[in-house]
Amino acid sequence: MISVKSPREIELMRIAGRIVAETHELLREVIRPGITTLELDTIAEAHIKKSGGIPAFKGYNGFPASICSSINEQVVHGIPGSTMLKDGDIIGIDIGAVYEGYYGDAARSYGIGHIDDERERLLKVTEESFFAGIEHALAGKRLSDVSNAIQKHVESNGFSIVRDFVGHGIGSSMHEEPQIPNYGPPNKGPRLVAGMA
């Protein structure tokens, strides 16, 4: 069942989300060829803690780090280590933070140094598809309208969807209902209401 959050819960999630967003911005400034994913993890963890949050991923189901760092063909959940980023790489970084018992969680992709035109286009279409989905995350819409908008944008630009992973609800747990695939027909699933997250 999809829970509806109170205004207080949403405010705490907003603070956790702000910590995650600020951590992404900090990493965006330091990501460059030659930095290791472990260095990025150390920077992220320090910033989350300094901001009053707790790294959400560290220790979650035994995960050993504060961020997930996935390079090039690795889709998600990469463990930071001694791997140095190289010019032309793409890295996906997933960051989670807990603030007063409520979670924020966001993944972003970054191009390292100079990336070729096709990789640049992939990053652009990926970001656009995220916002295409958000445009449909409105009270009264159906959950699959979000999924369908993402799929349509990605496929209309000549790319394909990774179907093995989904987005998810969030709140006082990192992974809450509903699961949100990045594909599917429109006008299916539960109707969205204000306060769902």
C-alpha atoms as a PDB file:
ATOM      1  CA  MET A   1       0.000   0.000   0.000  1.00  0.00           C
ATOM      2  CA  ILE A   2       1.256   3.462  -0.872  1.00  0.00           C
ATOM      3  CA  SER A   3       1.389   5.674   2.186  1.00  0.00           C
ATOM      4  CA  VAL A   4       0.350   9.323   2.177  1.00  0.00           C
ATOM      5  CA  LYS A   5       2.782  11.486   4.118  1.00  0.00           C
ATOM      6  CA  SER A   6       1.830  14.225   6.559  1.00  0.00           C
ATOM      7  CA  PRO A   7       3.102  17.782   6.016  1.00  0.00           C
ATOM      8  CA  ARG A   8       5.678  17.202   8.795  1.00  0.00           C
ATOM      9  CA  GLU A   9       6.926  13.992   7.164  1.00  0.00           C
ATOM     10  CA  ILE A  10       7.214  15.755   3.814  1.00  0.00           C
ATOM     11  CA  GLU A  11       9.215  18.561   5.430  1.00  0.00           C
ATOM     12  CA  LEU A  12      11.679  16.059   6.963  1.00  0.00           C
ATOM     13  CA  MET A  13      11.977  14.287   3.593  1.00  0.00           C
ATOM     14  CA  ARG A  14      12.555  17.662   1.947  1.00  0.00           C
ATOM     15  CA  ILE A  15      15.472  18.327   4.316  1.00  0.00           C
ATOM     16  CA  ALA A  16      16.919  14.853   3.631  1.00  0.00           C
ATOM     17  CA  GLY A  17      16.466  15.473  -0.096  1.00  0.00           C
ATOM     18  CA  ARG A  18      18.211  18.840   0.174  1.00  0.00           C
ATOM     19  CA  ILE A  19      21.197  17.149   1.852  1.00  0.00           C
ATOM     20  CA  VAL A  20      21.327  14.654  -1.036  1.00  0.00           C
ATOM     21  CA  ALA A  21      21.042  17.426  -3.665  1.00  0.00           C
ATOM     22  CA  GLU A  22      23.787  19.495  -2.023  1.00  0.00           C
ATOM     23  CA  THR A  23      26.017  16.413  -1.848  1.00  0.00           C
ATOM     24  CA  HIS A  24      25.487  15.822  -5.568  1.00  0.00           C
ATOM     25  CA  GLU A  25      26.407  19.435  -6.295  1.00  0.00           C
ATOM     26  CA  LEU A  26      29.567  19.102  -4.209  1.00  0.00           C
ATOM     27  CA  LEU A  27      30.584  15.933  -6.055  1.00  0.00           C
ATOM     28  CA  ARG A  28      29.805  17.538  -9.422  1.00  0.00           C
ATOM     29  CA  GLU A  29      32.413  20.195  -8.575  1.00  0.00           C
ATOM     30  CA  VAL A  30      35.164  17.679  -7.722  1.00  0.00           C
ATOM     31  CA  ILE A  31      34.533  14.898 -10.253  1.00  0.00           C
ATOM     32  CA  ARG A  32      37.401  14.812 -12.734  1.00  0.00           C
ATOM     33  CA  PRO A  33      39.780  12.372 -14.379  1.00  0.00           C
ATOM     34  CA  GLY A  34      42.136  10.895 -11.776  1.00  0.00           C
ATOM     35  CA  ILE A  35      39.829  10.991  -8.745  1.00  0.00           C
ATOM     36  CA  THR A  36      38.864   7.621  -7.281  1.00  0.00           C
ATOM     37  CA  THR A  37      35.366   6.525  -6.446  1.00  0.00           C
ATOM     38  CA  LEU A  38      36.526   5.989  -2.848  1.00  0.00           C
ATOM     39  CA  GLU A  39      37.578   9.647  -2.664  1.00  0.00           C
ATOM     40  CA  LEU A  40      34.111  10.643  -3.890  1.00  0.00           C
ATOM     41  CA  ASP A  41      32.562   8.419  -1.225  1.00  0.00           C
ATOM     42  CA  THR A  42      34.671  10.013   1.522  1.00  0.00           C
ATOM     43  CA  ILE A  43      33.698  13.526   0.390  1.00  0.00           C
ATOM     44  CA  ALA A  44      30.008  12.586   0.220  1.00  0.00           C
ATOM     45  CA  GLU A  45      29.950  10.937   3.641  1.00  0.00           C
ATOM     46  CA  ALA A  46      31.647  13.916   5.306  1.00  0.00           C
ATOM     47  CA  HIS A  47      29.191  16.352   3.716  1.00  0.00           C
ATOM     48  CA  ILE A  48      26.101  14.318   4.646  1.00  0.00           C
ATOM     49  CA  LYS A  49      27.252  14.137   8.280  1.00  0.00           C
ATOM     50  CA  LYS A  50      28.248  17.824   8.392  1.00  0.00           C
ATOM     51  CA  SER A  51      24.745  18.667   7.132  1.00  0.00           C
ATOM     52  CA  GLY A  52      23.078  16.796  10.000  1.00  0.00           C
ATOM     53  CA  GLY A  53      22.239  13.649   8.049  1.00  0.00           C
ATOM     54  CA  ILE A  54      23.256  10.026   8.207  1.00  0.00           C
ATOM     55  CA  PRO A  55      24.506   8.222   5.073  1.00  0.00           C
ATOM     56  CA  ALA A  56      21.541   5.995   4.185  1.00  0.00           C
ATOM     57  CA  PHE A  57      23.382   3.368   2.166  1.00  0.00           C
ATOM     58  CA  LYS A  58      26.256   2.608   4.533  1.00  0.00           C
ATOM     59  CA  GLY A  59      25.390  -0.624   6.284  1.00  0.00           C
ATOM     60  CA  TYR A  60      22.086  -1.008   4.388  1.00  0.00           C
ATOM     61  CA  ASN A  61      21.864  -4.756   3.677  1.00  0.00           C
ATOM     62  CA  GLY A  62      25.625  -4.878   4.297  1.00  0.00           C
ATOM     63  CA  PHE A  63      26.513  -2.195   1.722  1.00  0.00           C
ATOM     64  CA  PRO A  64      29.968  -0.862   2.721  1.00  0.00           C
ATOM     65  CA  ALA A  65      29.844   2.715   1.424  1.00  0.00           C
ATOM     66  CA  SER A  66      27.908   5.983   1.542  1.00  0.00           C
ATOM     67  CA  ILE A  67      27.378   6.253  -2.225  1.00  0.00           C
ATOM     68  CA  CYS A  68      26.863   3.836  -5.093  1.00  0.00           C
ATOM     69  CA  SER A  69      29.278   4.583  -7.927  1.00  0.00           C
ATOM     70  CA  SER A  70      28.655   2.830 -11.235  1.00  0.00           C
ATOM     71  CA  ILE A  71      31.061   3.428 -14.112  1.00  0.00           C
ATOM     72  CA  ASN A  72      30.164   3.082 -17.788  1.00  0.00           C
ATOM     73  CA  GLU A  73      28.313  -0.211 -18.458  1.00  0.00           C
ATOM     74  CA  GLN A  74      27.719  -0.938 -14.769  1.00  0.00           C
ATOM     75  CA  VAL A  75      24.075   0.035 -14.272  1.00  0.00           C
ATOM     76  CA  VAL A  76      23.676   0.531 -10.500  1.00  0.00           C
ATOM     77  CA  HIS A  77      24.942  -0.287  -7.006  1.00  0.00           C
ATOM     78  CA  GLY A  78      28.675  -0.154  -7.710  1.00  0.00           C
ATOM     79  CA  ILE A  79      30.875  -0.120  -4.616  1.00  0.00           C
ATOM     80  CA  PRO A  80      33.400   2.745  -4.374  1.00  0.00           C
ATOM     81  CA  GLY A  81      37.034   1.717  -4.373  1.00  0.00           C
ATOM     82  CA  SER A  82      40.416   2.450  -5.886  1.00  0.00           C
ATOM     83  CA  THR A  83      39.132   2.773  -9.462  1.00  0.00           C
ATOM     84  CA  MET A  84      40.243   6.089 -10.940  1.00  0.00           C
ATOM     85  CA  LEU A  85      37.897   7.929 -13.255  1.00  0.00           C
ATOM     86  CA  LYS A  86      39.193   8.455 -16.771  1.00  0.00           C
ATOM     87  CA  ASP A  87      38.510  11.041 -19.430  1.00  0.00           C
ATOM     88  CA  GLY A  88      35.410   9.955 -21.349  1.00  0.00           C
ATOM     89  CA  ASP A  89      33.871   7.847 -18.558  1.00  0.00           C
ATOM     90  CA  ILE A  90      30.281   8.169 -17.442  1.00  0.00           C
ATOM     91  CA  ILE A  91      29.625   7.619 -13.752  1.00  0.00           C
ATOM     92  CA  GLY A  92      26.279   7.115 -12.094  1.00  0.00           C
ATOM     93  CA  ILE A  93      26.269   8.211  -8.471  1.00  0.00           C
ATOM     94  CA  ASP A  94      23.436   7.297  -6.139  1.00  0.00           C
ATOM     95  CA  ILE A  95      23.289   9.110  -2.804  1.00  0.00           C
ATOM     96  CA  GLY A  96      20.969   8.583   0.152  1.00  0.00           C
ATOM     97  CA  ALA A  97      20.653  10.459   3.427  1.00  0.00           C
ATOM     98  CA  VAL A  98      18.490  10.060   6.512  1.00  0.00           C
ATOM     99  CA  TYR A  99      17.346  13.100   8.465  1.00  0.00           C
ATOM    100  CA  GLU A 100      15.386  12.581  11.692  1.00  0.00           C
ATOM    101  CA  GLY A 101      14.227   9.173  10.486  1.00  0.00           C
ATOM    102  CA  TYR A 102      13.213  10.195   6.943  1.00  0.00           C
ATOM    103  CA  TYR A 103      15.033   9.440   3.709  1.00  0.00           C
ATOM    104  CA  GLY A 104      16.216  11.326   0.664  1.00  0.00           C
ATOM    105  CA  ASP A 105      17.638   9.367  -2.279  1.00  0.00           C
ATOM    106  CA  ALA A 106      18.710  10.428  -5.772  1.00  0.00           C
ATOM    107  CA  ALA A 107      20.930   9.125  -8.542  1.00  0.00           C
ATOM    108  CA  ARG A 108      22.593  11.303 -11.175  1.00  0.00           C
ATOM    109  CA  SER A 109      24.957  10.597 -14.031  1.00  0.00           C
ATOM    110  CA  TYR A 110      28.049  12.627 -14.852  1.00  0.00           C
ATOM    111  CA  GLY A 111      30.379  12.770 -17.828  1.00  0.00           C
ATOM    112  CA  ILE A 112      34.070  12.779 -16.910  1.00  0.00           C
ATOM    113  CA  GLY A 113      36.279  15.225 -18.763  1.00  0.00           C
ATOM    114  CA  HIS A 114      35.589  15.185 -22.501  1.00  0.00           C
ATOM    115  CA  ILE A 115      32.905  12.698 -23.528  1.00  0.00           C
ATOM    116  CA  ASP A 116      31.932  11.897 -27.095  1.00  0.00           C
ATOM    117  CA  ASP A 117      28.733  13.231 -28.676  1.00  0.00           C
ATOM    118  CA  GLU A 118      26.768   9.988 -28.300  1.00  0.00           C
ATOM    119  CA  ARG A 119      27.524   9.724 -24.576  1.00  0.00           C
ATOM    120  CA  GLU A 120      26.629  13.390 -24.173  1.00  0.00           C
ATOM    121  CA  ARG A 121      23.322  12.705 -25.914  1.00  0.00           C
ATOM    122  CA  LEU A 122      22.703   9.690 -23.651  1.00  0.00           C
ATOM    123  CA  LEU A 123      23.167  11.868 -20.546  1.00  0.00           C
ATOM    124  CA  LYS A 124      20.873  14.554 -21.975  1.00  0.00           C
ATOM    125  CA  VAL A 125      18.079  12.128 -22.916  1.00  0.00           C
ATOM    126  CA  THR A 126      18.366  10.380 -19.544  1.00  0.00           C
ATOM    127  CA  GLU A 127      17.919  13.647 -17.658  1.00  0.00           C
ATOM    128  CA  GLU A 128      15.076  14.730 -19.949  1.00  0.00           C
ATOM    129  CA  SER A 129      13.300  11.397 -19.395  1.00  0.00           C
ATOM    130  CA  PHE A 130      13.478  11.929 -15.623  1.00  0.00           C
ATOM    131  CA  PHE A 131      11.729  15.284 -15.974  1.00  0.00           C
ATOM    132  CA  ALA A 132       9.230  13.823 -18.465  1.00  0.00           C
ATOM    133  CA  GLY A 133       8.227  11.356 -15.745  1.00  0.00           C
ATOM    134  CA  ILE A 134       8.005  14.081 -13.101  1.00  0.00           C
ATOM    135  CA  GLU A 135       5.620  16.054 -15.329  1.00  0.00           C
ATOM    136  CA  HIS A 136       3.172  13.154 -14.904  1.00  0.00           C
ATOM    137  CA  ALA A 137       3.652  12.726 -11.140  1.00  0.00           C
ATOM    138  CA  LEU A 138       0.518  14.700 -10.357  1.00  0.00           C
ATOM    139  CA  ALA A 139      -2.512  14.084  -8.178  1.00  0.00           C
ATOM    140  CA  GLY A 140      -5.189  12.420 -10.289  1.00  0.00           C
ATOM    141  CA  LYS A 141      -2.759  10.767 -12.727  1.00  0.00           C
ATOM    142  CA  ARG A 142      -2.085   7.049 -12.661  1.00  0.00           C
ATOM    143  CA  LEU A 143       1.263   5.618 -11.582  1.00  0.00           C
ATOM    144  CA  SER A 144       1.975   4.090 -14.981  1.00  0.00           C
ATOM    145  CA  ASP A 145       1.611   7.526 -16.619  1.00  0.00           C
ATOM    146  CA  VAL A 146       4.997   8.346 -15.046  1.00  0.00           C
ATOM    147  CA  SER A 147       6.537   5.118 -16.360  1.00  0.00           C
ATOM    148  CA  ASN A 148       5.065   5.569 -19.828  1.00  0.00           C
ATOM    149  CA  ALA A 149       6.344   9.150 -20.163  1.00  0.00           C
ATOM    150  CA  ILE A 150       9.884   7.988 -19.372  1.00  0.00           C
ATOM    151  CA  GLN A 151       9.726   5.103 -21.836  1.00  0.00           C
ATOM    152  CA  LYS A 152       8.290   7.218 -24.645  1.00  0.00           C
ATOM    153  CA  HIS A 153      10.983   9.868 -24.297  1.00  0.00           C
ATOM    154  CA  VAL A 154      13.862   7.381 -24.132  1.00  0.00           C
ATOM    155  CA  GLU A 155      12.685   5.227 -27.030  1.00  0.00           C
ATOM    156  CA  SER A 156      11.724   8.182 -29.239  1.00  0.00           C
ATOM    157  CA  ASN A 157      15.375   9.260 -28.970  1.00  0.00           C
ATOM    158  CA  GLY A 158      16.718   5.880 -30.088  1.00  0.00           C
ATOM    159  CA  PHE A 159      17.738   4.481 -26.711  1.00  0.00           C
ATOM    160  CA  SER A 160      16.324   1.547 -24.760  1.00  0.00           C
ATOM    161  CA  ILE A 161      15.148   1.077 -21.184  1.00  0.00           C
ATOM    162  CA  VAL A 162      16.937  -1.020 -18.562  1.00  0.00           C
ATOM    163  CA  ARG A 163      14.015  -3.138 -17.348  1.00  0.00           C
ATOM    164  CA  ASP A 164      15.754  -4.892 -14.444  1.00  0.00           C
ATOM    165  CA  PHE A 165      15.538  -1.974 -12.015  1.00  0.00           C
ATOM    166  CA  VAL A 166      12.791   0.361 -10.839  1.00  0.00           C
ATOM    167  CA  GLY A 167      12.281   3.612  -9.027  1.00  0.00           C
ATOM    168  CA  HIS A 168      10.522   3.452  -5.698  1.00  0.00           C
ATOM    169  CA  GLY A 169       8.551   5.260  -3.063  1.00  0.00           C
ATOM    170  CA  ILE A 170      10.386   6.706  -0.084  1.00  0.00           C
ATOM    171  CA  GLY A 171       9.645   7.982   3.416  1.00  0.00           C
ATOM    172  CA  SER A 172      10.587   6.527   6.798  1.00  0.00           C
ATOM    173  CA  SER A 173      12.074   3.595   4.847  1.00  0.00           C
ATOM    174  CA  MET A 174      14.454   3.889   1.933  1.00  0.00           C
ATOM    175  CA  HIS A 175      12.412   1.583  -0.290  1.00  0.00           C
ATOM    176  CA  GLU A 176       8.653   1.949   0.025  1.00  0.00           C
ATOM    177  CA  GLU A 177       5.745   1.183  -2.250  1.00  0.00           C
ATOM    178  CA  PRO A 178       5.212   1.739  -5.060  1.00  0.00           C
ATOM    179  CA  GLN A 179       7.779   0.311  -7.404  1.00  0.00           C
ATOM    180  CA  ILE A 180       7.998   2.547 -10.465  1.00  0.00           C
ATOM    181  CA  PRO A 181       9.351   0.928 -13.632  1.00  0.00           C
ATOM    182  CA  ASN A 182      10.741   3.123 -16.390  1.00  0.00           C
ATOM    183  CA  TYR A 183       8.369   1.562 -18.917  1.00  0.00           C
ATOM    184  CA  GLY A 184       4.775   0.501 -19.293  1.00  0.00           C
ATOM    185  CA  PRO A 185       1.397   1.455 -20.761  1.00  0.00           C
ATOM    186  CA  PRO A 186      -0.333   4.651 -19.623  1.00  0.00           C
ATOM    187  CA  ASN A 187      -3.408   4.861 -17.392  1.00  0.00           C
ATOM    188  CA  LYS A 188      -2.711   1.776 -15.239  1.00  0.00           C
ATOM    189  CA  GLY A 189      -2.058   1.254 -11.562  1.00  0.00           C
ATOM    190  CA  PRO A 190      -3.068   3.325  -8.570  1.00  0.00           C
ATOM    191  CA  ARG A 191      -4.232   6.897  -8.911  1.00  0.00           C
ATOM    192  CA  LEU A 192      -1.752   9.382  -7.422  1.00  0.00           C
ATOM    193  CA  VAL A 193      -2.838  11.602  -4.548  1.00  0.00           C
ATOM    194  CA  ALA A 194      -1.161  14.552  -2.839  1.00  0.00           C
ATOM    195  CA  GLY A 195       1.262  13.423  -0.135  1.00  0.00           C
ATOM    196  CA  MET A 196       2.566  10.307  -1.889  1.00  0.00           C
ATOM    197  CA  ALA A 197       6.339  10.203  -2.212  1.00  0.00           C
END
